[in-house]
């Protein structure tokens, strides 16, 4: 079993490889307009755990504000 630090490091290595391979594959045949959408969707997918964490914090703050109003 890996420690949390090792799992995080492996996850970041995998994300980097996915980003490099994905970026290279979209640009290997020349840059096209559709490549922008592909790169954006890939970036969002790679950053999804961080986005989810931010969304959870915002939702918790909204719930706290709603509870304080009532």
PDB file of N, CA and C in Angstrom:
ATOM      1  N   UNK A   1       0.836  -1.176   0.000  1.00  0.00           N
ATOM      2  CA  UNK A   1       0.000   0.000   0.000  1.00  0.00           C
ATOM      3  C   UNK A   1       0.888   1.248   0.000  1.00  0.00           C
ATOM      4  N   UNK A   2       0.470   2.202  -0.763  1.00  0.00           N
ATOM      5  CA  UNK A   2       1.201   3.460  -0.868  1.00  0.00           C
ATOM      6  C   UNK A   2       0.674   4.443   0.171  1.00  0.00           C
ATOM      7  N   UNK A   3       1.556   5.334   0.586  1.00  0.00           N
ATOM      8  CA  UNK A   3       1.119   6.406   1.476  1.00  0.00           C
ATOM      9  C   UNK A   3       0.351   7.439   0.650  1.00  0.00           C
ATOM     10  N   UNK A   4      -0.313   8.339   1.337  1.00  0.00           N
ATOM     11  CA  UNK A   4      -1.083   9.382   0.652  1.00  0.00           C
ATOM     12  C   UNK A   4      -0.149  10.245  -0.195  1.00  0.00           C
ATOM     13  N   UNK A   5       1.039  10.535   0.330  1.00  0.00           N
ATOM     14  CA  UNK A   5       2.004  11.354  -0.413  1.00  0.00           C
ATOM     15  C   UNK A   5       2.439  10.646  -1.696  1.00  0.00           C
ATOM     16  N   UNK A   6       2.680   9.336  -1.613  1.00  0.00           N
ATOM     17  CA  UNK A   6       3.085   8.576  -2.797  1.00  0.00           C
ATOM     18  C   UNK A   6       1.955   8.496  -3.813  1.00  0.00           C
ATOM     19  N   UNK A   7       0.713   8.309  -3.343  1.00  0.00           N
ATOM     20  CA  UNK A   7      -0.433   8.263  -4.250  1.00  0.00           C
ATOM     21  C   UNK A   7      -0.611   9.600  -4.960  1.00  0.00           C
ATOM     22  N   UNK A   8      -0.420  10.690  -4.219  1.00  0.00           N
ATOM     23  CA  UNK A   8      -0.533  12.018  -4.817  1.00  0.00           C
ATOM     24  C   UNK A   8       0.540  12.225  -5.879  1.00  0.00           C
ATOM     25  N   UNK A   9       1.758  11.792  -5.574  1.00  0.00           N
ATOM     26  CA  UNK A   9       2.850  11.933  -6.530  1.00  0.00           C
ATOM     27  C   UNK A   9       2.573  11.113  -7.793  1.00  0.00           C
ATOM     28  N   UNK A  10       2.125   9.877  -7.620  1.00  0.00           N
ATOM     29  CA  UNK A  10       1.803   9.036  -8.782  1.00  0.00           C
ATOM     30  C   UNK A  10       0.665   9.635  -9.599  1.00  0.00           C
ATOM     31  N   UNK A  11      -0.337  10.175  -8.919  1.00  0.00           N
ATOM     32  CA  UNK A  11      -1.460  10.802  -9.603  1.00  0.00           C
ATOM     33  C   UNK A  11      -0.992  11.998 -10.418  1.00  0.00           C
ATOM     34  N   UNK A  12      -0.106  12.808  -9.849  1.00  0.00           N
ATOM     35  CA  UNK A  12       0.419  13.968 -10.571  1.00  0.00           C
ATOM     36  C   UNK A  12       1.286  13.556 -11.752  1.00  0.00           C
ATOM     37  N   UNK A  13       2.061  12.485 -11.609  1.00  0.00           N
ATOM     38  CA  UNK A  13       2.861  11.977 -12.732  1.00  0.00           C
ATOM     39  C   UNK A  13       1.942  11.509 -13.857  1.00  0.00           C
ATOM     40  N   UNK A  14       0.890  10.784 -13.499  1.00  0.00           N
ATOM     41  CA  UNK A  14      -0.062  10.304 -14.509  1.00  0.00           C
ATOM     42  C   UNK A  14      -0.750  11.479 -15.209  1.00  0.00           C
ATOM     43  N   UNK A  15      -1.134  12.496 -14.459  1.00  0.00           N
ATOM     44  CA  UNK A  15      -1.768  13.665 -15.055  1.00  0.00           C
ATOM     45  C   UNK A  15      -0.817  14.359 -16.031  1.00  0.00           C
ATOM     46  N   UNK A  16       0.441  14.471 -15.631  1.00  0.00           N
ATOM     47  CA  UNK A  16       1.426  15.116 -16.501  1.00  0.00           C
ATOM     48  C   UNK A  16       1.595  14.338 -17.793  1.00  0.00           C
ATOM     49  N   UNK A  17       1.703  13.022 -17.689  1.00  0.00           N
ATOM     50  CA  UNK A  17       1.830  12.195 -18.893  1.00  0.00           C
ATOM     51  C   UNK A  17       0.611  12.326 -19.787  1.00  0.00           C
ATOM     52  N   UNK A  18      -0.578  12.307 -19.209  1.00  0.00           N
ATOM     53  CA  UNK A  18      -1.803  12.450 -19.997  1.00  0.00           C
ATOM     54  C   UNK A  18      -1.822  13.802 -20.696  1.00  0.00           C
ATOM     55  N   UNK A  19      -1.447  14.857 -19.973  1.00  0.00           N
ATOM     56  CA  UNK A  19      -1.448  16.201 -20.565  1.00  0.00           C
ATOM     57  C   UNK A  19      -0.442  16.309 -21.699  1.00  0.00           C
ATOM     58  N   UNK A  20       0.744  15.763 -21.516  1.00  0.00           N
ATOM     59  CA  UNK A  20       1.782  15.851 -22.556  1.00  0.00           C
ATOM     60  C   UNK A  20       1.378  15.043 -23.783  1.00  0.00           C
ATOM     61  N   UNK A  21       0.936  13.813 -23.570  1.00  0.00           N
ATOM     62  CA  UNK A  21       0.540  12.956 -24.697  1.00  0.00           C
ATOM     63  C   UNK A  21      -0.686  13.538 -25.399  1.00  0.00           C
ATOM     64  N   UNK A  22      -1.665  14.005 -24.631  1.00  0.00           N
ATOM     65  CA  UNK A  22      -2.866  14.592 -25.234  1.00  0.00           C
ATOM     66  C   UNK A  22      -2.561  15.859 -26.011  1.00  0.00           C
ATOM     67  N   UNK A  23      -1.731  16.719 -25.418  1.00  0.00           N
ATOM     68  CA  UNK A  23      -1.353  17.953 -26.112  1.00  0.00           C
ATOM     69  C   UNK A  23      -0.582  17.674 -27.383  1.00  0.00           C
ATOM     70  N   UNK A  24       0.347  16.725 -27.317  1.00  0.00           N
ATOM     71  CA  UNK A  24       1.128  16.372 -28.511  1.00  0.00           C
ATOM     72  C   UNK A  24       0.240  15.749 -29.580  1.00  0.00           C
ATOM     73  N   UNK A  25      -0.706  14.930 -29.170  1.00  0.00           N
ATOM     74  CA  UNK A  25      -1.549  14.259 -30.168  1.00  0.00           C
ATOM     75  C   UNK A  25      -2.484  15.241 -30.866  1.00  0.00           C
ATOM     76  N   UNK A  26      -2.918  16.289 -30.178  1.00  0.00           N
ATOM     77  CA  UNK A  26      -3.793  17.257 -30.842  1.00  0.00           C
ATOM     78  C   UNK A  26      -3.024  18.187 -31.769  1.00  0.00           C
ATOM     79  N   UNK A  27      -1.742  18.341 -31.527  1.00  0.00           N
ATOM     80  CA  UNK A  27      -0.954  19.266 -32.332  1.00  0.00           C
ATOM     81  C   UNK A  27      -0.090  18.584 -33.391  1.00  0.00           C
ATOM     82  N   UNK A  28      -0.046  17.259 -33.394  1.00  0.00           N
ATOM     83  CA  UNK A  28       0.858  16.545 -34.295  1.00  0.00           C
ATOM     84  C   UNK A  28       0.478  16.738 -35.767  1.00  0.00           C
ATOM     85  N   UNK A  29      -0.790  16.941 -36.049  1.00  0.00           N
ATOM     86  CA  UNK A  29      -1.214  17.107 -37.440  1.00  0.00           C
ATOM     87  C   UNK A  29      -1.458  18.567 -37.795  1.00  0.00           C
ATOM     88  N   UNK A  30      -0.970  19.462 -36.964  1.00  0.00           N
ATOM     89  CA  UNK A  30      -1.203  20.887 -37.184  1.00  0.00           C
ATOM     90  C   UNK A  30      -2.322  21.370 -36.286  1.00  0.00           C
ATOM     91  N   UNK A  31      -2.272  22.617 -35.936  1.00  0.00           N
ATOM     92  CA  UNK A  31      -3.263  23.173 -35.016  1.00  0.00           C
ATOM     93  C   UNK A  31      -4.549  23.505 -35.761  1.00  0.00           C
ATOM     94  N   UNK A  32      -5.666  23.057 -35.217  1.00  0.00           N
ATOM     95  CA  UNK A  32      -6.993  23.320 -35.781  1.00  0.00           C
ATOM     96  C   UNK A  32      -7.869  23.924 -34.693  1.00  0.00           C
ATOM     97  N   UNK A  33      -8.952  24.538 -35.070  1.00  0.00           N
ATOM     98  CA  UNK A  33      -9.867  25.146 -34.107  1.00  0.00           C
ATOM     99  C   UNK A  33     -10.428  24.155 -33.108  1.00  0.00           C
ATOM    100  N   UNK A  34     -10.670  22.935 -33.551  1.00  0.00           N
ATOM    101  CA  UNK A  34     -11.197  21.907 -32.667  1.00  0.00           C
ATOM    102  C   UNK A  34     -10.221  21.471 -31.591  1.00  0.00           C
ATOM    103  N   UNK A  35      -8.939  21.726 -31.832  1.00  0.00           N
ATOM    104  CA  UNK A  35      -7.933  21.367 -30.847  1.00  0.00           C
ATOM    105  C   UNK A  35      -8.102  22.158 -29.556  1.00  0.00           C
ATOM    106  N   UNK A  36      -8.593  23.377 -29.660  1.00  0.00           N
ATOM    107  CA  UNK A  36      -8.797  24.207 -28.470  1.00  0.00           C
ATOM    108  C   UNK A  36      -9.808  23.541 -27.543  1.00  0.00           C
ATOM    109  N   UNK A  37     -10.909  23.073 -28.107  1.00  0.00           N
ATOM    110  CA  UNK A  37     -11.926  22.398 -27.298  1.00  0.00           C
ATOM    111  C   UNK A  37     -11.380  21.115 -26.680  1.00  0.00           C
ATOM    112  N   UNK A  38     -10.607  20.390 -27.447  1.00  0.00           N
ATOM    113  CA  UNK A  38     -10.017  19.154 -26.940  1.00  0.00           C
ATOM    114  C   UNK A  38      -9.068  19.443 -25.781  1.00  0.00           C
ATOM    115  N   UNK A  39      -8.236  20.449 -25.925  1.00  0.00           N
ATOM    116  CA  UNK A  39      -7.285  20.809 -24.876  1.00  0.00           C
ATOM    117  C   UNK A  39      -8.025  21.313 -23.635  1.00  0.00           C
ATOM    118  N   UNK A  40      -9.061  22.111 -23.820  1.00  0.00           N
ATOM    119  CA  UNK A  40      -9.837  22.608 -22.680  1.00  0.00           C
ATOM    120  C   UNK A  40     -10.532  21.476 -21.940  1.00  0.00           C
ATOM    121  N   UNK A  41     -11.141  20.554 -22.674  1.00  0.00           N
ATOM    122  CA  UNK A  41     -11.823  19.438 -22.021  1.00  0.00           C
ATOM    123  C   UNK A  41     -10.827  18.531 -21.311  1.00  0.00           C
ATOM    124  N   UNK A  42      -9.657  18.341 -21.907  1.00  0.00           N
ATOM    125  CA  UNK A  42      -8.634  17.519 -21.269  1.00  0.00           C
ATOM    126  C   UNK A  42      -8.129  18.190 -19.988  1.00  0.00           C
ATOM    127  N   UNK A  43      -7.936  19.501 -20.019  1.00  0.00           N
ATOM    128  CA  UNK A  43      -7.479  20.231 -18.837  1.00  0.00           C
ATOM    129  C   UNK A  43      -8.520  20.153 -17.726  1.00  0.00           C
ATOM    130  N   UNK A  44      -9.794  20.321 -18.080  1.00  0.00           N
ATOM    131  CA  UNK A  44     -10.853  20.218 -17.075  1.00  0.00           C
ATOM    132  C   UNK A  44     -10.894  18.815 -16.480  1.00  0.00           C
ATOM    133  N   UNK A  45     -10.744  17.807 -17.319  1.00  0.00           N
ATOM    134  CA  UNK A  45     -10.754  16.417 -16.845  1.00  0.00           C
ATOM    135  C   UNK A  45      -9.579  16.171 -15.898  1.00  0.00           C
ATOM    136  N   UNK A  46      -8.409  16.684 -16.245  1.00  0.00           N
ATOM    137  CA  UNK A  46      -7.234  16.486 -15.400  1.00  0.00           C
ATOM    138  C   UNK A  46      -7.352  17.238 -14.079  1.00  0.00           C
ATOM    139  N   UNK A  47      -8.044  18.360 -14.071  1.00  0.00           N
ATOM    140  CA  UNK A  47      -8.195  19.161 -12.862  1.00  0.00           C
ATOM    141  C   UNK A  47      -9.497  18.894 -12.125  1.00  0.00           C
ATOM    142  N   UNK A  48     -10.236  17.870 -12.539  1.00  0.00           N
ATOM    143  CA  UNK A  48     -11.541  17.600 -11.961  1.00  0.00           C
ATOM    144  C   UNK A  48     -11.516  17.381 -10.449  1.00  0.00           C
ATOM    145  N   UNK A  49     -10.561  16.646  -9.879  1.00  0.00           N
ATOM    146  CA  UNK A  49     -10.562  16.497  -8.414  1.00  0.00           C
ATOM    147  C   UNK A  49     -10.423  17.843  -7.681  1.00  0.00           C
ATOM    148  N   UNK A  50      -9.591  18.733  -8.208  1.00  0.00           N
ATOM    149  CA  UNK A  50      -9.438  20.040  -7.593  1.00  0.00           C
ATOM    150  C   UNK A  50     -10.708  20.868  -7.752  1.00  0.00           C
ATOM    151  N   UNK A  51     -11.317  20.800  -8.925  1.00  0.00           N
ATOM    152  CA  UNK A  51     -12.567  21.528  -9.159  1.00  0.00           C
ATOM    153  C   UNK A  51     -13.665  21.034  -8.216  1.00  0.00           C
ATOM    154  N   UNK A  52     -13.745  19.732  -8.029  1.00  0.00           N
ATOM    155  CA  UNK A  52     -14.744  19.156  -7.132  1.00  0.00           C
ATOM    156  C   UNK A  52     -14.505  19.619  -5.698  1.00  0.00           C
ATOM    157  N   UNK A  53     -13.245  19.675  -5.281  1.00  0.00           N
ATOM    158  CA  UNK A  53     -12.933  20.131  -3.926  1.00  0.00           C
ATOM    159  C   UNK A  53     -13.361  21.583  -3.730  1.00  0.00           C
ATOM    160  N   UNK A  54     -13.120  22.422  -4.724  1.00  0.00           N
ATOM    161  CA  UNK A  54     -13.533  23.828  -4.632  1.00  0.00           C
ATOM    162  C   UNK A  54     -15.053  23.924  -4.601  1.00  0.00           C
ATOM    163  N   UNK A  55     -15.732  23.156  -5.444  1.00  0.00           N
ATOM    164  CA  UNK A  55     -17.191  23.170  -5.467  1.00  0.00           C
ATOM    165  C   UNK A  55     -17.765  22.736  -4.124  1.00  0.00           C
ATOM    166  N   UNK A  56     -17.156  21.729  -3.487  1.00  0.00           N
ATOM    167  CA  UNK A  56     -17.630  21.277  -2.179  1.00  0.00           C
ATOM    168  C   UNK A  56     -17.477  22.372  -1.129  1.00  0.00           C
ATOM    169  N   UNK A  57     -16.355  23.093  -1.157  1.00  0.00           N
ATOM    170  CA  UNK A  57     -16.147  24.186  -0.208  1.00  0.00           C
ATOM    171  C   UNK A  57     -17.165  25.294  -0.415  1.00  0.00           C
ATOM    172  N   UNK A  58     -17.438  25.640  -1.679  1.00  0.00           N
ATOM    173  CA  UNK A  58     -18.419  26.680  -1.975  1.00  0.00           C
ATOM    174  C   UNK A  58     -19.803  26.235  -1.515  1.00  0.00           C
ATOM    175  N   UNK A  59     -20.155  24.982  -1.776  1.00  0.00           N
ATOM    176  CA  UNK A  59     -21.454  24.470  -1.360  1.00  0.00           C
ATOM    177  C   UNK A  59     -21.586  24.487   0.158  1.00  0.00           C
ATOM    178  N   UNK A  60     -20.529  24.100   0.882  1.00  0.00           N
ATOM    179  CA  UNK A  60     -20.565  24.125   2.339  1.00  0.00           C
ATOM    180  C   UNK A  60     -20.747  25.552   2.858  1.00  0.00           C
ATOM    181  N   UNK A  61     -20.060  26.516   2.245  1.00  0.00           N
ATOM    182  CA  UNK A  61     -20.217  27.911   2.668  1.00  0.00           C
ATOM    183  C   UNK A  61     -21.626  28.413   2.378  1.00  0.00           C
ATOM    184  N   UNK A  62     -22.182  28.021   1.239  1.00  0.00           N
ATOM    185  CA  UNK A  62     -23.562  28.425   0.912  1.00  0.00           C
ATOM    186  C   UNK A  62     -24.552  27.838   1.912  1.00  0.00           C
ATOM    187  N   UNK A  63     -24.351  26.586   2.291  1.00  0.00           N
ATOM    188  CA  UNK A  63     -25.212  25.953   3.290  1.00  0.00           C
ATOM    189  C   UNK A  63     -25.093  26.666   4.635  1.00  0.00           C
ATOM    190  N   UNK A  64     -23.863  27.046   5.013  1.00  0.00           N
ATOM    191  CA  UNK A  64     -23.649  27.747   6.275  1.00  0.00           C
ATOM    192  C   UNK A  64     -24.330  29.126   6.250  1.00  0.00           C
ATOM    193  N   UNK A  65     -24.243  29.824   5.140  1.00  0.00           N
ATOM    194  CA  UNK A  65     -24.888  31.131   5.014  1.00  0.00           C
ATOM    195  C   UNK A  65     -26.403  30.969   5.088  1.00  0.00           C
ATOM    196  N   UNK A  66     -26.920  29.967   4.398  1.00  0.00           N
ATOM    197  CA  UNK A  66     -28.364  29.726   4.404  1.00  0.00           C
ATOM    198  C   UNK A  66     -28.844  29.381   5.815  1.00  0.00           C
ATOM    199  N   UNK A  67     -28.062  28.576   6.534  1.00  0.00           N
ATOM    200  CA  UNK A  67     -28.437  28.212   7.896  1.00  0.00           C
ATOM    201  C   UNK A  67     -28.394  29.409   8.840  1.00  0.00           C
ATOM    202  N   UNK A  68     -27.439  30.318   8.620  1.00  0.00           N
ATOM    203  CA  UNK A  68     -27.344  31.490   9.491  1.00  0.00           C
ATOM    204  C   UNK A  68     -28.473  32.481   9.220  1.00  0.00           C
ATOM    205  N   UNK A  69     -28.980  32.495   7.993  1.00  0.00           N
ATOM    206  CA  UNK A  69     -30.091  33.399   7.653  1.00  0.00           C
ATOM    207  C   UNK A  69     -31.388  32.900   8.279  1.00  0.00           C
ATOM    208  N   UNK A  70     -31.562  31.606   8.319  1.00  0.00           N
ATOM    209  CA  UNK A  70     -32.826  31.051   8.822  1.00  0.00           C
ATOM    210  C   UNK A  70     -32.844  31.002  10.280  1.00  0.00           C
TER     211      UNK A  70
END
